Protein backbone atom coordinates (compact mmCIF):
# COMPACT_ATOMS: atom_id res chain seq x y z
CA MET A 1 7.66 36.16 -27.69
CA GLU A 2 5.75 33.69 -29.87
CA ARG A 3 6.01 30.96 -27.20
CA SER A 4 4.82 33.38 -24.53
CA MET A 5 1.82 34.37 -26.66
CA LEU A 6 0.91 30.75 -27.32
CA ARG A 7 1.13 29.99 -23.59
CA ARG A 8 -1.14 32.91 -22.75
CA ARG A 9 -3.68 31.75 -25.33
CA ALA A 10 -3.55 28.21 -23.98
CA LEU A 11 -4.02 29.44 -20.44
CA ALA A 12 -6.93 31.63 -21.49
CA ALA A 13 -8.56 28.69 -23.22
CA CYS A 14 -7.93 26.56 -20.14
CA THR A 15 -9.53 29.15 -17.88
CA ALA A 16 -12.68 29.22 -19.97
CA THR A 17 -12.84 25.45 -20.28
CA VAL A 18 -12.30 24.59 -16.64
CA ALA A 19 -14.70 27.27 -15.50
CA VAL A 20 -17.53 25.71 -17.52
CA GLY A 21 -16.45 22.15 -16.71
CA ALA A 22 -16.15 22.87 -13.00
CA LEU A 23 -19.62 24.36 -12.84
CA ALA A 24 -21.06 21.32 -14.55
CA LEU A 25 -19.23 18.95 -12.20
CA ALA A 26 -20.26 20.93 -9.16
CA GLY A 27 -23.91 20.88 -10.16
CA LEU A 28 -24.13 24.66 -10.61
CA THR A 29 -25.23 24.90 -14.21
CA GLY A 30 -28.37 26.90 -14.80
CA THR A 31 -29.83 29.98 -16.43
CA ALA A 32 -28.04 33.21 -15.60
CA SER A 33 -30.03 35.97 -13.92
CA ALA A 34 -29.42 39.66 -13.39
CA ASP A 35 -28.97 39.17 -9.67
CA PRO A 36 -28.14 35.53 -9.03
CA ALA A 37 -28.46 34.29 -5.50
CA PRO A 38 -25.35 32.73 -4.00
CA ARG A 39 -25.24 28.96 -4.10
CA THR A 40 -23.43 26.28 -2.21
CA PRO A 41 -21.53 24.00 -4.61
CA THR A 42 -22.52 20.34 -4.45
CA ALA A 43 -20.92 17.43 -6.23
CA ALA A 44 -23.06 15.46 -8.62
CA GLY A 45 -25.03 13.04 -6.45
CA SER A 46 -23.82 14.54 -3.17
CA GLU A 47 -27.44 15.00 -2.06
CA GLN A 48 -27.61 11.18 -1.99
CA LEU A 49 -24.50 10.63 0.13
CA SER A 50 -25.08 7.72 2.49
CA PRO A 51 -25.92 8.37 6.14
CA GLY A 52 -22.93 6.21 7.08
CA LEU A 53 -20.47 8.34 5.14
CA LEU A 54 -22.00 11.56 6.48
CA GLU A 55 -21.84 10.21 10.03
CA ALA A 56 -18.14 9.35 9.57
CA MET A 57 -17.43 12.86 8.24
CA ARG A 58 -19.25 14.34 11.26
CA ARG A 59 -17.22 12.21 13.68
CA ASP A 60 -13.79 12.43 12.04
CA LEU A 61 -13.87 15.85 10.32
CA GLY A 62 -16.33 17.71 12.56
CA LEU A 63 -18.65 18.58 9.65
CA THR A 64 -22.41 18.88 9.62
CA ASP A 65 -24.26 17.10 6.80
CA ALA A 66 -24.62 20.39 4.90
CA GLU A 67 -20.94 21.24 5.41
CA ALA A 68 -19.89 17.78 4.22
CA ARG A 69 -21.95 18.11 1.01
CA SER A 70 -20.61 21.61 0.46
CA ARG A 71 -17.02 20.52 0.98
CA ILE A 72 -17.35 17.67 -1.51
CA GLY A 73 -18.84 20.13 -4.01
CA HIS A 74 -15.95 22.56 -3.56
CA GLU A 75 -13.42 19.73 -3.90
CA THR A 76 -15.09 18.53 -7.10
CA ARG A 77 -14.80 22.00 -8.62
CA ALA A 78 -11.17 22.35 -7.50
CA THR A 79 -10.27 19.01 -9.08
CA ALA A 80 -11.67 20.14 -12.44
CA VAL A 81 -9.87 23.49 -12.30
CA ALA A 82 -6.57 21.86 -11.30
CA ALA A 83 -6.79 19.36 -14.16
CA GLY A 84 -7.26 22.16 -16.68
CA LEU A 85 -4.38 24.22 -15.28
CA LYS A 86 -2.10 21.19 -15.27
CA ARG A 87 -2.67 20.74 -19.00
CA ALA A 88 -2.21 24.45 -19.70
CA LEU A 89 0.91 24.97 -17.61
CA GLY A 90 2.63 21.94 -19.08
CA ALA A 91 6.23 21.53 -17.90
CA ASP A 92 5.88 24.51 -15.50
CA PHE A 93 3.27 22.69 -13.37
CA ALA A 94 4.48 21.98 -9.82
CA GLY A 95 1.38 20.45 -8.24
CA ALA A 96 -1.98 21.42 -6.76
CA ARG A 97 -3.63 21.06 -3.38
CA VAL A 98 -6.76 22.17 -1.54
CA SER A 99 -7.19 23.37 2.03
CA GLY A 100 -10.07 24.14 4.39
CA ASP A 101 -13.75 23.24 4.21
CA ASP A 102 -14.13 25.50 1.16
CA ALA A 103 -11.35 23.55 -0.61
CA ALA A 104 -9.32 26.67 -1.45
CA LEU A 105 -7.18 25.64 -4.42
CA THR A 106 -3.45 26.40 -4.59
CA VAL A 107 -1.57 25.70 -7.83
CA ALA A 108 2.23 25.79 -7.95
CA THR A 109 4.35 26.81 -10.94
CA ILE A 110 8.01 27.56 -11.58
CA ASP A 111 7.15 30.55 -13.82
CA ALA A 112 5.86 33.76 -12.19
CA ALA A 113 4.28 34.72 -15.54
CA ASP A 114 1.65 32.02 -14.94
CA ALA A 115 0.34 33.63 -11.74
CA ALA A 116 -2.26 35.93 -13.31
CA ARG A 117 -3.92 33.16 -15.28
CA ILE A 118 -3.94 30.84 -12.28
CA ARG A 119 -5.81 33.54 -10.37
CA GLU A 120 -8.23 33.99 -13.27
CA ALA A 121 -9.08 30.29 -13.03
CA GLY A 122 -10.00 30.80 -9.36
CA ALA A 123 -6.86 29.37 -7.75
CA GLU A 124 -4.09 30.87 -5.63
CA PRO A 125 -0.70 30.73 -7.40
CA VAL A 126 2.58 29.96 -5.68
CA VAL A 127 5.94 30.16 -7.44
CA VAL A 128 8.37 27.39 -6.45
CA ALA A 129 11.82 26.16 -7.42
CA HIS A 130 11.06 22.64 -8.68
CA THR A 131 8.50 21.20 -11.08
CA LEU A 132 6.36 18.25 -10.09
CA ALA A 133 8.07 16.20 -12.79
CA GLU A 134 11.48 16.96 -11.24
CA LEU A 135 10.33 15.84 -7.79
CA ASP A 136 8.64 12.72 -9.21
CA ALA A 137 11.87 11.81 -11.00
CA ALA A 138 13.89 12.14 -7.79
CA LYS A 139 11.43 9.96 -5.90
CA ALA A 140 11.54 7.38 -8.71
CA LYS A 141 15.31 7.05 -8.13
CA LEU A 142 14.68 6.33 -4.45
CA ASP A 143 12.02 3.76 -5.40
CA ARG A 144 14.40 1.90 -7.68
CA VAL A 145 16.98 1.59 -4.91
CA ALA A 146 14.33 0.47 -2.39
CA LEU A 147 12.99 -2.25 -4.68
CA ARG A 148 16.49 -3.77 -4.84
CA ASP A 149 17.22 -3.35 -1.14
CA ALA A 150 14.67 -1.84 1.26
CA PRO A 151 16.43 0.89 3.28
CA ASP A 152 16.97 0.42 7.01
CA ASP A 153 15.28 2.95 9.30
CA VAL A 154 13.62 4.80 6.38
CA PRO A 155 9.94 3.74 6.46
CA VAL A 156 8.31 6.36 4.23
CA TRP A 157 9.10 8.89 1.51
CA TYR A 158 6.82 10.97 -0.71
CA VAL A 159 6.51 14.00 -2.96
CA ASP A 160 5.08 16.86 -0.89
CA VAL A 161 3.46 19.52 -3.05
CA ALA A 162 3.08 21.92 -0.11
CA THR A 163 6.83 22.10 0.63
CA ASN A 164 7.97 21.49 -2.98
CA ARG A 165 10.27 18.75 -1.74
CA VAL A 166 10.61 15.00 -1.59
CA VAL A 167 10.06 14.28 2.10
CA VAL A 168 12.02 11.35 3.56
CA GLN A 169 10.94 10.08 6.98
CA ALA A 170 13.80 8.36 8.78
CA ALA A 171 14.81 7.22 12.24
CA ASP A 172 17.94 9.39 11.93
CA THR A 173 19.55 11.66 9.36
CA SER A 174 22.44 9.29 8.70
CA ALA A 175 20.02 6.62 7.44
CA ALA A 176 18.34 9.18 5.18
CA ASP A 177 21.68 10.46 3.86
CA ALA A 178 22.81 6.92 3.02
CA PHE A 179 19.55 6.29 1.17
CA LEU A 180 19.89 9.53 -0.84
CA ALA A 181 23.52 8.78 -1.69
CA ALA A 182 22.67 5.28 -2.92
CA ALA A 183 20.00 6.73 -5.21
CA GLY A 184 22.06 9.72 -6.37
CA VAL A 185 19.40 12.22 -5.27
CA SER A 186 20.46 15.77 -4.44
CA ARG A 187 19.84 16.91 -0.84
CA GLU A 188 18.53 20.18 -2.36
CA LEU A 189 15.36 18.36 -3.46
CA VAL A 190 14.79 16.62 -0.15
CA LYS A 191 13.46 17.42 3.31
CA VAL A 192 14.28 14.84 6.01
CA ASN A 193 11.84 14.35 8.91
CA ARG A 194 12.68 12.31 11.98
CA SER A 195 10.11 9.53 12.42
CA THR A 196 9.56 6.46 14.58
CA GLU A 197 6.71 5.18 12.38
CA GLN A 198 6.67 1.43 11.73
CA PRO A 199 4.06 0.80 9.02
CA ARG A 200 2.42 -2.60 8.71
CA THR A 201 -0.16 -4.15 6.43
CA PHE A 202 -3.69 -4.64 7.73
CA ALA A 203 -4.43 -8.26 6.85
CA ASP A 204 -5.97 -10.18 9.74
CA LEU A 205 -5.62 -13.88 10.61
CA ARG A 206 -8.11 -13.76 13.50
CA GLY A 207 -11.26 -14.22 11.43
CA GLY A 208 -14.05 -11.81 10.53
CA ASP A 209 -16.80 -11.41 8.03
CA ALA A 210 -15.46 -9.80 4.83
CA TYR A 211 -13.70 -12.27 2.52
CA TYR A 212 -11.32 -15.04 3.39
CA MET A 213 -8.22 -16.36 1.65
CA ASN A 214 -8.00 -20.18 1.63
CA GLY A 215 -10.53 -20.15 4.44
CA SER A 216 -8.24 -18.41 6.93
CA GLY A 217 -6.80 -14.92 6.47
CA ARG A 218 -9.26 -12.04 6.14
CA CYS A 219 -9.22 -8.88 4.02
CA SER A 220 -11.82 -6.43 2.70
CA ILE A 221 -13.23 -6.04 -0.78
CA GLY A 222 -12.10 -2.87 -2.56
CA PHE A 223 -14.39 -2.27 -5.54
CA PRO A 224 -16.39 -4.57 -7.84
CA VAL A 225 -15.00 -4.73 -11.39
CA LYS A 226 -15.61 -6.41 -14.74
CA ARG A 227 -13.17 -7.92 -17.20
CA GLY A 228 -15.26 -8.56 -20.27
CA SER A 229 -18.13 -10.70 -19.00
CA GLN A 230 -16.16 -11.88 -15.93
CA SER A 231 -17.11 -10.26 -12.63
CA GLY A 232 -14.82 -9.77 -9.66
CA PHE A 233 -13.27 -7.20 -7.37
CA VAL A 234 -9.98 -5.43 -6.67
CA SER A 235 -8.25 -5.65 -3.32
CA ALA A 236 -4.77 -5.35 -1.83
CA GLY A 237 -1.92 -7.36 -3.35
CA HIS A 238 -0.67 -8.55 0.03
CA CYS A 239 -4.00 -10.29 0.66
CA GLY A 240 -3.29 -13.17 -1.75
CA THR A 241 -1.38 -14.56 -4.73
CA PRO A 242 -2.72 -15.95 -8.03
CA GLY A 243 -4.56 -19.23 -7.49
CA VAL A 244 -5.48 -18.58 -3.86
CA SER A 245 -9.18 -19.31 -3.38
CA THR A 246 -11.56 -16.92 -1.64
CA SER A 247 -14.80 -17.32 0.24
CA GLY A 248 -17.27 -14.58 1.05
CA TYR A 249 -18.38 -13.04 4.31
CA ASN A 250 -20.80 -15.98 4.64
CA GLN A 251 -17.96 -18.52 4.09
CA GLN A 252 -19.51 -19.60 0.79
CA ALA A 253 -17.23 -20.25 -2.21
CA GLN A 254 -16.53 -16.97 -3.98
CA GLY A 255 -13.63 -17.11 -6.47
CA SER A 256 -9.84 -16.94 -6.72
CA PHE A 257 -7.03 -14.43 -7.16
CA GLN A 258 -6.21 -13.89 -10.85
CA GLY A 259 -3.47 -11.32 -10.44
CA SER A 260 -1.52 -9.85 -7.54
CA THR A 261 1.40 -7.47 -7.13
CA PHE A 262 3.19 -7.02 -3.78
CA PRO A 263 5.61 -5.55 -2.85
CA GLY A 264 6.42 -2.86 -5.42
CA ARG A 265 2.71 -2.09 -5.75
CA ASP A 266 -0.15 -3.37 -3.59
CA TYR A 267 -3.08 -4.42 -5.77
CA SER A 268 -4.82 -7.61 -6.82
CA TRP A 269 -7.98 -8.77 -8.51
CA VAL A 270 -10.24 -11.69 -7.72
CA ALA A 271 -12.55 -13.32 -10.28
CA THR A 272 -15.81 -14.44 -8.69
CA ASN A 273 -18.28 -17.21 -9.55
CA GLY A 274 -21.80 -16.67 -10.83
CA ASN A 275 -23.32 -16.58 -7.35
CA TRP A 276 -21.85 -13.12 -6.71
CA THR A 277 -23.30 -10.10 -8.49
CA PRO A 278 -21.13 -6.95 -8.73
CA ARG A 279 -22.83 -3.79 -7.49
CA ALA A 280 -21.67 -0.18 -7.73
CA LEU A 281 -21.78 0.15 -3.97
CA VAL A 282 -19.54 0.50 -0.93
CA ASN A 283 -20.76 -1.16 2.26
CA GLY A 284 -22.31 1.37 4.63
CA TYR A 285 -22.34 -1.04 7.58
CA GLY A 286 -25.98 -0.50 8.46
CA ASN A 287 -26.03 3.19 7.57
CA GLY A 288 -26.85 3.09 3.87
CA ASP A 289 -24.53 2.03 1.06
CA VAL A 290 -22.50 4.55 -1.00
CA THR A 291 -23.01 4.55 -4.77
CA VAL A 292 -19.84 4.62 -6.90
CA THR A 293 -20.04 6.84 -9.99
CA GLY A 294 -16.41 7.02 -11.15
CA SER A 295 -12.75 7.07 -10.17
CA THR A 296 -11.55 10.67 -10.56
CA GLU A 297 -8.52 11.15 -8.28
CA ALA A 298 -8.96 13.62 -5.41
CA LEU A 299 -6.46 16.42 -4.84
CA GLU A 300 -4.13 16.59 -1.86
CA GLY A 301 -6.07 18.12 1.01
CA SER A 302 -9.39 16.66 -0.12
CA SER A 303 -11.68 14.83 2.28
CA ILE A 304 -11.62 11.06 1.93
CA CYS A 305 -13.34 8.15 3.68
CA ARG A 306 -12.56 4.48 4.09
CA SER A 307 -14.78 1.44 4.52
CA GLY A 308 -13.33 -1.74 6.02
CA SER A 309 -14.61 -4.97 7.54
CA THR A 310 -12.98 -4.37 10.94
CA THR A 311 -13.64 -0.71 11.73
CA GLY A 312 -16.36 0.30 9.25
CA TRP A 313 -16.35 3.95 8.14
CA HIS A 314 -13.60 6.43 8.99
CA CYS A 315 -12.68 9.71 7.31
CA GLY A 316 -9.82 12.17 7.04
CA THR A 317 -7.91 13.99 4.32
CA VAL A 318 -5.47 13.16 1.54
CA GLN A 319 -2.02 14.10 2.81
CA GLN A 320 0.37 13.25 -0.06
CA ARG A 321 0.08 11.22 -3.22
CA ASN A 322 3.00 9.36 -4.81
CA THR A 323 4.26 8.03 -1.49
CA SER A 324 6.57 5.07 -0.89
CA VAL A 325 6.32 3.01 2.28
CA THR A 326 8.47 0.15 3.57
CA TYR A 327 6.72 -2.75 5.30
CA GLN A 328 8.41 -5.85 6.71
CA GLU A 329 7.67 -7.58 3.39
CA GLY A 330 9.29 -4.85 1.26
CA THR A 331 8.73 -1.40 -0.23
CA VAL A 332 5.51 -0.33 -1.95
CA SER A 333 5.57 2.77 -4.19
CA GLY A 334 2.86 4.97 -5.67
CA VAL A 335 0.51 4.81 -2.68
CA THR A 336 -1.36 7.76 -1.17
CA ARG A 337 -0.78 8.86 2.43
CA THR A 338 -3.81 9.84 4.54
CA ASN A 339 -4.61 10.62 8.17
CA VAL A 340 -7.48 8.10 8.16
CA CYS A 341 -7.18 5.29 10.70
CA ALA A 342 -7.40 1.55 9.96
CA GLU A 343 -6.84 -1.76 11.72
CA PRO A 344 -6.07 -5.40 10.83
CA GLY A 345 -8.73 -6.84 8.52
CA ASP A 346 -9.36 -3.49 6.81
CA SER A 347 -6.72 -4.28 4.16
CA GLY A 348 -8.02 -4.09 0.61
CA GLY A 349 -11.07 -2.05 1.65
CA SER A 350 -12.51 0.93 -0.20
CA PHE A 351 -11.18 4.49 -0.11
CA ILE A 352 -13.71 6.90 -1.62
CA SER A 353 -14.09 10.68 -1.94
CA GLY A 354 -17.71 11.69 -2.43
CA SER A 355 -18.88 9.13 -5.00
CA GLN A 356 -15.44 8.75 -6.65
CA ALA A 357 -13.54 5.54 -5.98
CA GLN A 358 -9.94 6.32 -4.92
CA GLY A 359 -8.18 3.10 -4.01
CA VAL A 360 -7.77 0.11 -1.69
CA THR A 361 -6.34 0.07 1.82
CA SER A 362 -2.68 -1.00 1.89
CA GLY A 363 -1.31 -0.52 5.42
CA GLY A 364 -0.21 2.05 7.95
CA SER A 365 0.41 2.68 11.62
CA GLY A 366 -1.70 3.47 14.66
CA ASN A 367 -5.32 2.41 15.18
CA CYS A 368 -8.85 3.80 15.32
CA SER A 369 -8.79 4.32 19.09
CA GLN A 370 -5.83 6.68 19.12
CA GLY A 371 -5.64 7.68 15.43
CA GLY A 372 -3.08 6.83 12.83
CA THR A 373 -1.76 7.04 9.28
CA THR A 374 -3.06 4.82 6.47
CA TYR A 375 -1.77 4.35 2.92
CA PHE A 376 -3.97 3.32 0.03
CA GLN A 377 -3.08 1.89 -3.37
CA PRO A 378 -4.72 4.12 -6.03
CA LEU A 379 -7.40 2.30 -8.00
CA ASN A 380 -6.79 3.46 -11.56
CA PRO A 381 -3.32 1.87 -11.92
CA ALA A 382 -4.81 -1.45 -10.78
CA LEU A 383 -7.61 -1.21 -13.34
CA GLN A 384 -5.10 -0.47 -16.07
CA ALA A 385 -2.67 -3.21 -15.00
CA TYR A 386 -5.28 -5.96 -15.29
CA GLY A 387 -7.54 -4.54 -18.02
CA LEU A 388 -10.45 -4.10 -15.59
CA THR A 389 -13.45 -1.78 -15.65
CA LEU A 390 -14.82 -0.33 -12.43
CA VAL A 391 -18.49 -1.14 -11.87
CA THR A 392 -20.35 2.16 -11.49
CA ASN A 393 -23.99 3.14 -11.51
CA GLY A 394 -23.61 3.70 -15.27
CA THR A 395 -21.80 0.46 -16.17
CA PRO A 396 -23.82 -1.62 -18.64
CA THR A 397 -24.66 -5.09 -17.36
CA ASP A 398 -26.59 -6.55 -20.31
CA PRO A 399 -24.90 -8.05 -23.38
CA PRO A 400 -25.08 -5.98 -26.58
CA ASP A 401 -28.07 -6.50 -28.86
CA PRO A 402 -26.85 -8.34 -31.99
CA THR A 403 -29.29 -6.30 -34.05
CA ASP A 404 -27.62 -3.02 -33.06
CA PRO A 405 -26.45 -1.02 -36.10
CA PRO A 406 -22.71 -1.03 -36.90
CA ALA A 407 -20.43 1.57 -35.34
CA PRO A 408 -20.38 4.86 -37.28
CA GLY A 409 -16.56 5.04 -37.44
CA GLY A 410 -13.93 6.92 -35.47
CA THR A 411 -10.91 6.08 -33.34
CA TRP A 412 -12.80 4.22 -30.57
CA LYS A 413 -12.23 0.45 -30.84
CA GLU A 414 -13.52 -2.58 -28.96
CA GLY A 415 -10.85 -4.46 -27.03
CA THR A 416 -8.70 -1.34 -26.49
CA SER A 417 -7.47 -0.37 -23.03
CA TYR A 418 -8.21 3.30 -22.31
CA THR A 419 -6.93 5.44 -19.44
CA ALA A 420 -8.51 8.50 -17.85
CA GLY A 421 -7.93 11.55 -20.07
CA ASP A 422 -7.70 9.66 -23.38
CA VAL A 423 -9.69 11.33 -26.19
CA VAL A 424 -11.37 9.35 -28.98
CA THR A 425 -13.79 10.06 -31.79
CA TYR A 426 -17.00 8.17 -32.38
CA GLY A 427 -18.86 9.21 -35.48
CA SER A 428 -18.61 12.99 -35.69
CA GLU A 429 -18.18 13.50 -31.92
CA SER A 430 -15.20 13.49 -29.57
CA PHE A 431 -15.18 11.92 -26.09
CA ARG A 432 -12.78 12.03 -23.13
CA CYS A 433 -12.24 8.91 -21.01
CA LEU A 434 -13.33 9.34 -17.38
CA GLN A 435 -11.89 6.12 -15.95
CA ALA A 436 -9.51 3.38 -17.04
CA HIS A 437 -11.23 0.40 -18.69
CA LEU A 438 -11.05 -2.22 -21.42
CA ALA A 439 -13.59 -1.37 -24.15
CA GLN A 440 -16.23 -4.08 -24.52
CA PRO A 441 -18.81 -4.71 -27.29
CA GLY A 442 -21.70 -2.31 -26.85
CA TRP A 443 -19.79 0.04 -24.54
CA THR A 444 -19.72 2.82 -27.12
CA PRO A 445 -18.90 6.31 -25.83
CA PRO A 446 -22.40 7.80 -26.35
CA ASN A 447 -23.98 4.91 -24.44
CA VAL A 448 -21.73 4.81 -21.37
CA PRO A 449 -21.61 8.21 -19.62
CA ALA A 450 -19.86 6.63 -16.64
CA LEU A 451 -16.84 5.98 -18.87
CA TRP A 452 -16.93 8.78 -21.46
CA GLN A 453 -17.71 12.51 -21.56
CA ARG A 454 -18.43 14.51 -24.69
CA VAL A 455 -15.85 17.23 -25.40
């Protein structure tokens, strides 16, 4: 009884918190009136979405400019609500997804007693048999087997929130069954789909204009980053190994790979020389650049767009997160599956939802003439792995003033790596981390709203 009461109180607190937070994120805060007029939710900054991104959403998703802005606003609100419910539901949480242009939010739980509070938060509840943690653990077993010996005829597997199963795509059921047996994963947790997909990476050796590795192979820049005072960018791991030199789109010396992981994961970072200035922008290919304001992960079902040096802008939706895919070079885990197309040379390029950086292009199948499936490596794990900070429109670029007064105390410390969701104190105030970064001198929580939010 006591546990049930505590859970109800936590859920009630969550409902109130996410309702306020979602309104702020969606740009709907304002003075209440007796008869408020209905509003269309818009994400912060969505009025400034680039013409190139809007054009891609018109072409690929069939949305008008107003519908695209509205959809991004709805998705922003749903992301905030889902994050609050995930914290409140704890071990009962079984995933969240959005659907439709109004981003209708569905939240899954294993406990029917949670349904009323999920509805109060503005989401549709669904009671399922398995928690998200249980499905993630089963997929992790498959990943461990694949890293030792990539399975034959099993190109892709992922946690599917919609079906509450780990989906294994295989050329035939016998290949899937052998894979499950080797990992010790129960068939009860798994749905097997027949598939002829043959994923490949999208690096290109035919030349182009993005960035070049050792003057030959071509990939696309993901997002500009900082590591202390060193500038650079993240890209795909399969694009290069540590020590490989890079040149820019103009074939001028640019930098070199400092870290790279592939297979297993698919991320890398390149440190650049002083001739290259990091900007919080994604290339709009003649249609206006997109400003990056953060790296909050989009929910499954959310709209998402990709920018690459071969095919420019293309959009679609997030299909499944926590996916594993087997390329000729080996298995990569933890990527996100989308129905966005890509082609050789797009590897490493930016995936973005609204103004929120999502990840870098890994590989896939198909093309942009007939459509296809593309996987991206989420950005935040790459930032955390290398101690990088995403360059956003709120990232400080000037060194700290040595005459600044000393810090007022608290748990925030320079030189500490923080991940999204971490809470610190600074003086008498508390702040929640918005994106993974390595704390630098002068980047105090009150001064860097791109990295910290008051709570």
